Amino acid sequence: MHEMSLCEGILQIIEDEAQKQQFTEVKQVILDVGVLSGVEITALEFAFEVIMQGTVAEKATLKINEIEAQAWCMPCSKTVNIKQRYDACPDCESYQLQVSGGDEMRIKELEVN
């Protein structure tokens, strides 16, 4: 379950920022998670609750924005939405697509005290 190690990384970022910005409590963590990132959302939510216990983010709520996947279609010369890797272009049905978004995970926002 790599979601535990992802949450440990999130906690490290939060602790580093708490030290830099002198905050003592995190109220909310907002994440952007792409549908192609390989992250299991329910496992991430569970791991977040476990990992954040006893930290500045212990009482924080987690909000996850799921980011749609996009790819650049070479024959169409445009960006298209896809549901999963190796999908065909919805316009021309070509498989010459290069993923350009939806595979990321990042902390978008921290609400702190």
Foldseek 3Di string as FASTA:
>chain_A
DCLLVVLVVVQVVVVVVCVVVVFQAWAEWEKEAFLAQPDDVVVNQVSNQVVCPPGNHNNYDYHYHYDFKWWQAPVVRDIATDNYQQAAGPPPRHSRIGTDDRNDMDTPDIHTD
